[in-house]
Amino acid sequence: MVRLITLILILFAAISGFSMYKINDIGFLSVGIGDYKLETNLMIAGSVLIAGIFALLLLLKVFTLLHKITVFFGAQRKTRLLEKARTALSHGLIELAEGRFAEAEKLLLKQVKYSDNTLLTYLSAARAAQQQGAHDRRDDYLRKAHEATPTAEIAIGLTKAELQLAHEQYEQALANLTHLYELSPKHAYIIKLLLKTYHHLADWKKLLNLLGDVKRQKLLSEDKIFDLELDIWHGLLDEQAHGNDLHSLNAVWNQMPEYLKTKANLVEYYAHLLLDFNADNKAEQVLRHFLNSNWSESAVVLYSELDVVIDLQQLDQVETWLKEHQHNAHLLLAMGKLCLNKKLWGKARHYLEASLSIHAMPETYLKLAQLLESHMDDAKQAQIYYRQGLECLTGARHHEAVTIVTPLYSDEKPTLKIVHSE
């Protein structure tokens, strides 16, 4: 562009000069400013003007060159500083990974104002400060990270939540994660951290609400989801039990998915809670319903500890379990106690002695002795059972044992006898 203007001016001057020369008239120029007056011919005025323009263009060229030189050296300096900042970041991350947190923090911040990755620098410095227990500095670095890169709110918020959880600041982490969840409700990592936070805070209702997101996005394996469900419902039951509200406890159980009611540990825990409320009949109903289609030794043991009255139809239902579990001492004890409560003395003795023949337990001896003493006029044998029960309870070696000499399920009732040993 400058060259074009220069060419046009030269051309214009040459044509004008040649024209004036041909007509033998070099023109006249008079300029007055106040009392001052300048007079000259056009040839000189044109020469001065052209010289001035050339001087101006030359000055412009010099300034442009100086600017380029300044920019060049400025860029060189910026490159050096940027390289120093990158080196400081790299060394700082190494120190952080190796556990030298104070050194890492110093290195990371050394050239931070020249860094092209301010976000990573401040986030790493926050982690270093966290490891030193400097939570105020940690929060300050996170604030600066947000100021430097406001578009990275989720990344900064997640880092803050991780650090808060690591320091067991669950309430602060929950407030932070709740805000992030509102910003991005489908963010997988936010949901996982919320799960962890709710679990630590034992907020089972919130966990249950979040469970739908976990299942829809398949954030956990099926086994882990199932374990989480067990924890949630276990926690909900426990929450109502501590609230001393039997109605709410039963309401939670009724809301529970049916497939979870087939899990022995959950069923047994609910039954234990019912027993704490003295709701023994409800516990019996729950355990009987479970054992009708599922079998758990621990559930049978718990069932044998109940002391309730059930109707004959329910008793017949329990007796059907013996078809596959006739050698289960706890089941036989439970049957004996149920028969005692129904005043079926003969059947009660039959089941209790059968239980003793398989596995001697103090409670079985006691129930059998009480039965013989109070309802069957056999005080002598009752005393033997009392003594054997006491020996069993204290771990002493007893001298008599009960043995079944015929199978439990046969056309005739099993014959039981006392076997004396030396």
Protein backbone atom coordinates (compact mmCIF):
# COMPACT_ATOMS: atom_id res chain seq x y z
CA MET A 1 0.00 0.00 0.00
CA VAL A 2 2.85 2.38 0.94
CA ARG A 3 4.62 1.58 -2.29
CA LEU A 4 1.47 2.33 -4.31
CA ILE A 5 1.01 5.72 -2.60
CA THR A 6 4.69 6.53 -3.22
CA LEU A 7 4.39 5.61 -6.90
CA ILE A 8 1.24 7.73 -7.32
CA LEU A 9 2.93 10.75 -5.70
CA ILE A 10 6.03 10.42 -7.88
CA LEU A 11 3.87 10.09 -10.95
CA PHE A 12 1.75 13.08 -9.97
CA ALA A 13 4.87 15.21 -9.31
CA ALA A 14 6.50 14.21 -12.58
CA ILE A 15 3.41 15.00 -14.65
CA SER A 16 2.87 18.32 -12.88
CA GLY A 17 6.53 19.31 -13.24
CA PHE A 18 6.64 18.38 -16.89
CA SER A 19 3.43 20.32 -17.61
CA MET A 20 4.75 23.45 -15.91
CA TYR A 21 8.05 23.15 -17.72
CA LYS A 22 6.30 22.94 -21.11
CA ILE A 23 4.31 26.09 -20.53
CA ASN A 24 7.31 27.83 -18.92
CA ASP A 25 5.33 28.48 -15.70
CA ILE A 26 6.45 26.94 -12.46
CA GLY A 27 3.54 28.51 -10.51
CA PHE A 28 3.43 30.63 -7.38
CA LEU A 29 2.32 29.71 -3.80
CA SER A 30 1.64 32.20 -1.00
CA VAL A 31 0.69 31.09 2.57
CA GLY A 32 -0.13 33.62 5.29
CA ILE A 33 -0.55 32.92 9.05
CA GLY A 34 -1.17 36.09 11.06
CA ASP A 35 1.69 38.50 10.46
CA TYR A 36 3.74 35.77 8.84
CA LYS A 37 3.73 35.11 5.14
CA LEU A 38 5.46 32.44 3.10
CA GLU A 39 5.86 32.78 -0.65
CA THR A 40 7.43 30.25 -2.97
CA ASN A 41 6.87 28.59 -6.30
CA LEU A 42 4.98 25.36 -6.71
CA MET A 43 8.07 23.39 -7.66
CA ILE A 44 9.72 23.99 -4.28
CA ALA A 45 6.45 23.55 -2.39
CA GLY A 46 5.85 20.23 -4.16
CA SER A 47 9.39 19.09 -3.44
CA VAL A 48 8.99 19.92 0.28
CA LEU A 49 5.63 18.15 0.42
CA ILE A 50 7.01 15.05 -1.24
CA ALA A 51 10.04 15.07 1.04
CA GLY A 52 7.76 15.40 4.07
CA ILE A 53 5.64 12.51 2.93
CA PHE A 54 8.72 10.38 2.40
CA ALA A 55 10.01 11.33 5.87
CA LEU A 56 6.64 10.38 7.38
CA LEU A 57 6.64 7.03 5.60
CA LEU A 58 10.20 6.39 6.75
CA LEU A 59 9.22 7.20 10.33
CA LEU A 60 6.29 4.83 10.07
CA LYS A 61 8.58 2.12 8.80
CA VAL A 62 10.95 2.64 11.71
CA PHE A 63 8.10 2.46 14.23
CA THR A 64 6.79 -0.73 12.61
CA LEU A 65 10.23 -2.29 12.80
CA LEU A 66 10.61 -1.30 16.44
CA HIS A 67 7.19 -2.76 17.23
CA LYS A 68 8.13 -6.04 15.56
CA ILE A 69 11.36 -6.16 17.53
CA THR A 70 9.47 -5.48 20.77
CA VAL A 71 6.86 -8.15 19.96
CA PHE A 72 9.57 -10.65 19.04
CA PHE A 73 11.50 -10.20 22.28
CA GLY A 74 8.21 -10.12 24.24
CA ALA A 75 7.16 -13.40 22.66
CA GLN A 76 10.54 -14.87 23.42
CA ARG A 77 10.22 -13.84 27.07
CA LYS A 78 6.66 -15.17 27.25
CA THR A 79 7.80 -18.48 25.79
CA ARG A 80 10.57 -18.73 28.38
CA LEU A 81 8.18 -17.92 31.22
CA LEU A 82 5.60 -20.36 29.86
CA GLU A 83 8.24 -23.06 29.68
CA LYS A 84 9.26 -22.30 33.27
CA ALA A 85 5.61 -22.51 34.35
CA ARG A 86 5.19 -25.87 32.61
CA THR A 87 8.37 -27.16 34.22
CA ALA A 88 7.18 -25.96 37.63
CA LEU A 89 3.81 -27.66 37.08
CA SER A 90 5.48 -30.90 36.01
CA HIS A 91 7.87 -30.93 38.97
CA GLY A 92 5.06 -29.94 41.32
CA LEU A 93 2.90 -32.86 40.15
CA ILE A 94 5.83 -35.22 40.67
CA GLU A 95 6.32 -33.92 44.21
CA LEU A 96 2.59 -34.28 44.85
CA ALA A 97 2.58 -37.87 43.59
CA GLU A 98 5.61 -38.69 45.76
CA GLY A 99 3.95 -37.28 48.87
CA ARG A 100 6.09 -34.19 49.39
CA PHE A 101 3.11 -31.91 49.68
CA ALA A 102 4.72 -28.70 50.99
CA GLU A 103 7.33 -28.73 48.21
CA ALA A 104 4.63 -29.55 45.66
CA GLU A 105 2.52 -26.58 46.73
CA LYS A 106 5.48 -24.17 46.44
CA LEU A 107 6.52 -25.45 43.01
CA LEU A 108 2.99 -25.40 41.63
CA LEU A 109 2.43 -21.77 42.60
CA LYS A 110 5.91 -20.54 41.65
CA GLN A 111 5.08 -19.59 38.05
CA VAL A 112 1.29 -19.87 38.17
CA LYS A 113 0.64 -16.41 36.69
CA TYR A 114 2.51 -17.41 33.54
CA SER A 115 0.94 -20.86 33.24
CA ASP A 116 -1.25 -21.84 30.31
CA ASN A 117 -2.97 -24.42 32.55
CA THR A 118 -4.00 -22.40 35.58
CA LEU A 119 -6.93 -24.72 36.33
CA LEU A 120 -4.76 -27.82 36.74
CA THR A 121 -2.19 -25.85 38.74
CA TYR A 122 -4.71 -24.55 41.30
CA LEU A 123 -6.53 -27.89 41.56
CA SER A 124 -3.24 -29.66 42.24
CA ALA A 125 -2.22 -26.99 44.75
CA ALA A 126 -5.57 -27.52 46.51
CA ARG A 127 -4.83 -31.24 46.82
CA ALA A 128 -1.37 -30.47 48.23
CA ALA A 129 -2.86 -28.07 50.77
CA GLN A 130 -5.50 -30.65 51.72
CA GLN A 131 -2.80 -33.20 52.51
CA GLN A 132 -1.21 -30.70 54.89
CA GLY A 133 -4.50 -30.03 56.65
CA ALA A 134 -4.58 -26.45 55.33
CA HIS A 135 -8.25 -26.32 54.43
CA ASP A 136 -8.42 -22.52 54.18
CA ARG A 137 -5.63 -22.51 51.60
CA ARG A 138 -7.30 -25.43 49.83
CA ASP A 139 -10.57 -23.52 49.50
CA ASP A 140 -8.69 -20.38 48.39
CA TYR A 141 -6.97 -22.30 45.57
CA LEU A 142 -10.30 -23.75 44.47
CA ARG A 143 -11.79 -20.24 44.42
CA LYS A 144 -8.90 -19.00 42.29
CA ALA A 145 -9.35 -21.98 39.97
CA HIS A 146 -12.98 -20.96 39.48
CA GLU A 147 -11.99 -17.34 38.84
CA ALA A 148 -9.41 -18.46 36.29
CA THR A 149 -11.74 -20.92 34.52
CA PRO A 150 -15.40 -20.24 35.41
CA THR A 151 -16.56 -22.69 32.73
CA ALA A 152 -14.98 -25.58 34.67
CA GLU A 153 -17.42 -25.34 37.59
CA ILE A 154 -18.23 -29.07 37.62
CA ALA A 155 -14.57 -30.13 37.50
CA ILE A 156 -13.69 -27.74 40.32
CA GLY A 157 -16.76 -28.75 42.34
CA LEU A 158 -15.96 -32.45 42.01
CA THR A 159 -12.39 -31.87 43.15
CA LYS A 160 -13.68 -29.92 46.13
CA ALA A 161 -16.16 -32.68 46.97
CA GLU A 162 -13.46 -35.36 46.76
CA LEU A 163 -11.24 -33.41 49.13
CA GLN A 164 -14.09 -32.75 51.55
CA LEU A 165 -15.03 -36.43 51.60
CA ALA A 166 -11.40 -37.41 52.15
CA HIS A 167 -11.40 -35.17 55.22
CA GLU A 168 -14.82 -36.54 56.32
CA GLN A 169 -16.50 -33.16 55.82
CA TYR A 170 -19.70 -34.90 54.76
CA GLU A 171 -22.15 -32.04 55.35
CA GLN A 172 -20.05 -29.61 53.27
CA ALA A 173 -19.55 -32.24 50.58
CA LEU A 174 -23.30 -32.87 50.46
CA ALA A 175 -24.08 -29.18 49.94
CA ASN A 176 -21.48 -29.01 47.16
CA LEU A 177 -22.63 -32.22 45.45
CA THR A 178 -26.30 -31.26 45.68
CA HIS A 179 -25.51 -28.09 43.75
CA LEU A 180 -23.52 -30.04 41.15
CA TYR A 181 -26.37 -32.57 40.82
CA GLU A 182 -28.74 -29.71 40.03
CA LEU A 183 -26.34 -28.53 37.32
CA SER A 184 -25.83 -32.00 35.83
CA PRO A 185 -28.33 -34.60 37.15
CA LYS A 186 -27.05 -37.34 34.83
CA HIS A 187 -23.36 -36.94 35.65
CA ALA A 188 -22.20 -40.42 36.67
CA TYR A 189 -19.38 -39.38 39.00
CA ILE A 190 -21.54 -36.83 40.80
CA ILE A 191 -24.10 -39.57 41.48
CA LYS A 192 -21.40 -41.94 42.76
CA LEU A 193 -20.04 -39.32 45.15
CA LEU A 194 -23.58 -38.56 46.32
CA LEU A 195 -24.07 -42.27 47.00
CA LYS A 196 -20.92 -42.30 49.12
CA THR A 197 -21.98 -39.17 50.99
CA TYR A 198 -25.53 -40.31 51.71
CA HIS A 199 -24.18 -43.66 52.86
CA HIS A 200 -21.82 -42.03 55.37
CA LEU A 201 -24.62 -39.77 56.60
CA ALA A 202 -27.00 -42.77 56.81
CA ASP A 203 -29.57 -40.84 54.77
CA TRP A 204 -31.36 -43.98 53.58
CA LYS A 205 -34.36 -42.21 52.04
CA LYS A 206 -32.14 -40.05 49.82
CA LEU A 207 -30.14 -43.15 48.88
CA LEU A 208 -33.34 -44.93 47.91
CA ASN A 209 -34.35 -41.98 45.70
CA LEU A 210 -30.92 -42.01 44.04
CA LEU A 211 -31.04 -45.75 43.44
CA GLY A 212 -33.19 -45.24 40.33
CA ASP A 213 -30.44 -43.17 38.68
CA VAL A 214 -27.87 -45.83 39.55
CA LYS A 215 -29.95 -48.58 37.95
CA ARG A 216 -30.88 -46.57 34.85
CA GLN A 217 -27.28 -45.61 34.11
CA LYS A 218 -25.85 -48.96 35.31
CA LEU A 219 -23.28 -47.12 37.41
CA LEU A 220 -22.58 -50.20 39.54
CA SER A 221 -22.48 -53.91 38.87
CA GLU A 222 -25.63 -55.90 39.60
CA ASP A 223 -24.04 -57.44 42.69
CA LYS A 224 -23.07 -54.05 44.09
CA ILE A 225 -26.51 -52.61 43.35
CA PHE A 226 -28.07 -55.54 45.19
CA ASP A 227 -25.73 -55.07 48.17
CA LEU A 228 -26.59 -51.37 48.18
CA GLU A 229 -30.30 -52.19 48.22
CA LEU A 230 -29.80 -54.50 51.19
CA ASP A 231 -27.93 -51.73 53.03
CA ILE A 232 -30.65 -49.20 52.26
CA TRP A 233 -33.55 -51.33 53.47
CA HIS A 234 -31.56 -52.55 56.45
CA GLY A 235 -30.92 -48.90 57.33
CA LEU A 236 -34.57 -47.90 56.82
CA LEU A 237 -35.71 -50.71 59.14
CA ASP A 238 -33.14 -49.73 61.74
CA GLU A 239 -34.16 -46.07 61.46
CA GLN A 240 -37.78 -46.86 62.25
CA ALA A 241 -36.81 -49.23 65.05
CA HIS A 242 -34.77 -46.51 66.75
CA GLY A 243 -37.78 -44.24 66.39
CA ASN A 244 -39.77 -46.72 68.54
CA ASP A 245 -42.50 -46.80 65.91
CA LEU A 246 -43.76 -50.33 65.20
CA HIS A 247 -46.31 -49.10 62.66
CA SER A 248 -43.61 -47.31 60.63
CA LEU A 249 -41.34 -50.35 60.92
CA ASN A 250 -44.03 -52.58 59.43
CA ALA A 251 -44.76 -49.96 56.75
CA VAL A 252 -41.11 -50.05 55.62
CA TRP A 253 -41.26 -53.85 55.43
CA ASN A 254 -44.44 -53.71 53.34
CA GLN A 255 -42.81 -51.24 50.93
CA MET A 256 -39.77 -53.45 50.45
CA PRO A 257 -39.50 -55.28 47.09
CA GLU A 258 -40.57 -58.92 47.35
CA TYR A 259 -37.27 -60.27 46.02
CA LEU A 260 -35.46 -58.75 49.00
CA LYS A 261 -37.79 -60.54 51.40
CA THR A 262 -36.16 -63.81 50.32
CA LYS A 263 -32.82 -62.77 51.84
CA ALA A 264 -32.24 -64.43 55.19
CA ASN A 265 -30.16 -61.67 56.80
CA LEU A 266 -32.81 -59.04 56.05
CA VAL A 267 -35.69 -61.25 57.18
CA GLU A 268 -33.91 -62.22 60.38
CA TYR A 269 -33.00 -58.61 61.14
CA TYR A 270 -36.63 -57.57 60.75
CA ALA A 271 -37.69 -60.47 62.99
CA HIS A 272 -35.17 -59.40 65.67
CA LEU A 273 -36.55 -55.86 65.55
CA LEU A 274 -40.08 -57.22 65.95
CA LEU A 275 -38.97 -59.19 68.99
CA ASP A 276 -37.56 -55.97 70.46
CA PHE A 277 -41.08 -54.54 70.12
CA ASN A 278 -42.49 -57.74 71.74
CA ALA A 279 -44.27 -58.45 68.47
CA ASP A 280 -43.44 -62.18 68.68
CA ASN A 281 -46.48 -63.35 66.71
CA LYS A 282 -45.61 -61.03 63.83
CA ALA A 283 -41.99 -62.29 63.92
CA GLU A 284 -43.28 -65.89 63.79
CA GLN A 285 -45.46 -65.07 60.81
CA VAL A 286 -42.57 -63.42 58.93
CA LEU A 287 -40.15 -66.29 59.63
CA ARG A 288 -42.74 -68.96 58.79
CA HIS A 289 -43.58 -67.25 55.48
CA PHE A 290 -39.86 -67.08 54.67
CA LEU A 291 -39.08 -70.68 55.64
CA ASN A 292 -42.00 -71.97 53.58
CA SER A 293 -40.10 -71.19 50.38
CA ASN A 294 -36.54 -70.58 51.58
CA TRP A 295 -34.31 -72.40 54.00
CA SER A 296 -31.79 -70.83 56.30
CA GLU A 297 -30.27 -72.50 59.34
CA SER A 298 -29.95 -69.18 61.17
CA ALA A 299 -33.63 -68.41 60.48
CA VAL A 300 -34.60 -71.82 61.92
CA VAL A 301 -32.48 -71.13 65.00
CA LEU A 302 -34.30 -67.81 65.46
CA TYR A 303 -37.65 -69.50 64.89
CA SER A 304 -36.79 -72.03 67.61
CA GLU A 305 -36.28 -69.20 70.08
CA LEU A 306 -39.87 -67.97 69.70
CA ASP A 307 -42.46 -68.80 72.32
CA VAL A 308 -45.79 -68.22 70.57
CA VAL A 309 -49.16 -69.87 70.00
CA ILE A 310 -50.21 -70.71 66.44
CA ASP A 311 -53.31 -72.48 65.14
CA LEU A 312 -53.39 -76.13 64.07
CA GLN A 313 -53.31 -75.29 60.37
CA GLN A 314 -50.13 -73.26 60.85
CA LEU A 315 -48.69 -76.05 62.98
CA ASP A 316 -49.33 -78.53 60.19
CA GLN A 317 -47.58 -76.14 57.83
CA VAL A 318 -44.48 -76.07 60.05
CA GLU A 319 -44.53 -79.88 60.35
CA THR A 320 -44.18 -80.17 56.57
CA TRP A 321 -40.66 -78.73 56.90
CA LEU A 322 -39.63 -81.94 58.68
CA LYS A 323 -40.03 -83.92 55.47
CA GLU A 324 -36.75 -82.49 54.22
CA HIS A 325 -35.18 -81.45 57.51
CA GLN A 326 -36.10 -84.22 59.96
CA HIS A 327 -32.63 -84.20 61.53
CA ASN A 328 -32.58 -80.48 62.30
CA ALA A 329 -32.39 -80.15 66.10
CA HIS A 330 -33.51 -76.51 66.12
CA LEU A 331 -36.55 -77.26 63.99
CA LEU A 332 -37.50 -80.15 66.28
CA LEU A 333 -37.09 -77.85 69.29
CA ALA A 334 -39.34 -75.28 67.64
CA MET A 335 -41.94 -77.98 66.93
CA GLY A 336 -41.76 -79.15 70.55
CA LYS A 337 -42.33 -75.61 71.88
CA LEU A 338 -45.24 -75.02 69.49
CA CYS A 339 -46.85 -78.28 70.62
CA LEU A 340 -46.32 -77.31 74.25
CA ASN A 341 -48.15 -74.05 73.67
CA LYS A 342 -51.00 -75.99 72.03
CA LYS A 343 -51.01 -78.43 75.00
CA LEU A 344 -50.16 -81.36 72.75
CA TRP A 345 -48.06 -83.01 75.44
CA GLY A 346 -47.30 -86.29 73.68
CA LYS A 347 -46.21 -84.63 70.42
CA ALA A 348 -44.22 -82.05 72.37
CA ARG A 349 -42.28 -84.80 74.21
CA HIS A 350 -41.72 -86.66 70.94
CA TYR A 351 -40.21 -83.61 69.21
CA LEU A 352 -38.14 -82.48 72.18
CA GLU A 353 -36.59 -85.90 72.72
CA ALA A 354 -35.92 -86.19 68.99
CA SER A 355 -34.15 -82.81 69.10
CA LEU A 356 -32.01 -83.97 72.05
CA SER A 357 -30.97 -87.11 70.22
CA ILE A 358 -29.51 -85.01 67.42
CA HIS A 359 -28.01 -82.10 69.35
CA ALA A 360 -28.28 -81.53 73.08
CA MET A 361 -29.20 -77.95 74.02
CA PRO A 362 -29.91 -76.55 77.51
CA GLU A 363 -33.27 -75.10 76.48
CA THR A 364 -34.44 -78.47 75.13
CA TYR A 365 -33.58 -80.18 78.41
CA LEU A 366 -35.41 -77.46 80.32
CA LYS A 367 -38.58 -77.64 78.21
CA LEU A 368 -38.62 -81.42 78.37
CA ALA A 369 -38.08 -81.48 82.14
CA GLN A 370 -40.86 -78.92 82.69
CA LEU A 371 -43.19 -80.96 80.48
CA LEU A 372 -42.53 -84.25 82.36
CA GLU A 373 -42.76 -82.60 85.75
CA SER A 374 -45.89 -80.49 85.20
CA HIS A 375 -47.99 -82.47 82.74
CA MET A 376 -46.82 -86.09 82.58
CA ASP A 377 -46.19 -86.96 86.26
CA ASP A 378 -42.67 -88.18 85.65
CA ALA A 379 -40.72 -86.19 88.21
CA LYS A 380 -37.85 -88.70 88.33
CA GLN A 381 -37.09 -88.39 84.62
CA ALA A 382 -37.65 -84.63 84.84
CA GLN A 383 -34.88 -84.41 87.46
CA ILE A 384 -32.54 -86.28 85.15
CA TYR A 385 -33.25 -83.78 82.36
CA TYR A 386 -32.79 -80.84 84.72
CA ARG A 387 -29.38 -82.18 85.72
CA GLN A 388 -28.35 -82.91 82.14
CA GLY A 389 -29.48 -79.45 81.06
CA LEU A 390 -27.38 -77.85 83.78
CA GLU A 391 -24.36 -79.94 82.81
CA CYS A 392 -24.90 -78.99 79.17
CA LEU A 393 -25.17 -75.33 80.09
CA THR A 394 -21.95 -75.39 82.13
CA GLY A 395 -20.10 -77.57 79.63
CA ALA A 396 -19.79 -80.51 82.02
CA ARG A 397 -19.87 -84.10 80.72
CA HIS A 398 -23.30 -85.58 81.26
CA HIS A 399 -23.94 -89.30 81.75
CA GLU A 400 -27.17 -89.81 79.88
CA ALA A 401 -28.18 -89.06 76.32
CA VAL A 402 -31.40 -89.44 74.36
CA THR A 403 -31.31 -91.55 71.22
CA ILE A 404 -33.90 -92.15 68.50
CA VAL A 405 -34.01 -95.81 67.62
CA THR A 406 -36.45 -95.54 64.70
CA PRO A 407 -36.70 -92.93 61.89
CA LEU A 408 -38.76 -89.83 62.60
CA TYR A 409 -40.97 -90.35 59.57
CA SER A 410 -42.41 -93.85 59.55
CA ASP A 411 -45.77 -95.45 60.00
CA GLU A 412 -45.33 -95.73 63.73
CA LYS A 413 -44.04 -93.16 66.17
CA PRO A 414 -40.32 -93.30 66.90
CA THR A 415 -39.32 -95.10 70.05
CA LEU A 416 -37.06 -93.09 72.31
CA LYS A 417 -35.08 -94.38 75.26
CA ILE A 418 -32.57 -93.14 77.79
CA VAL A 419 -29.13 -94.58 77.19
CA HIS A 420 -26.89 -94.67 80.28
CA SER A 421 -23.16 -94.53 79.84
CA GLU A 422 -20.45 -95.37 82.31
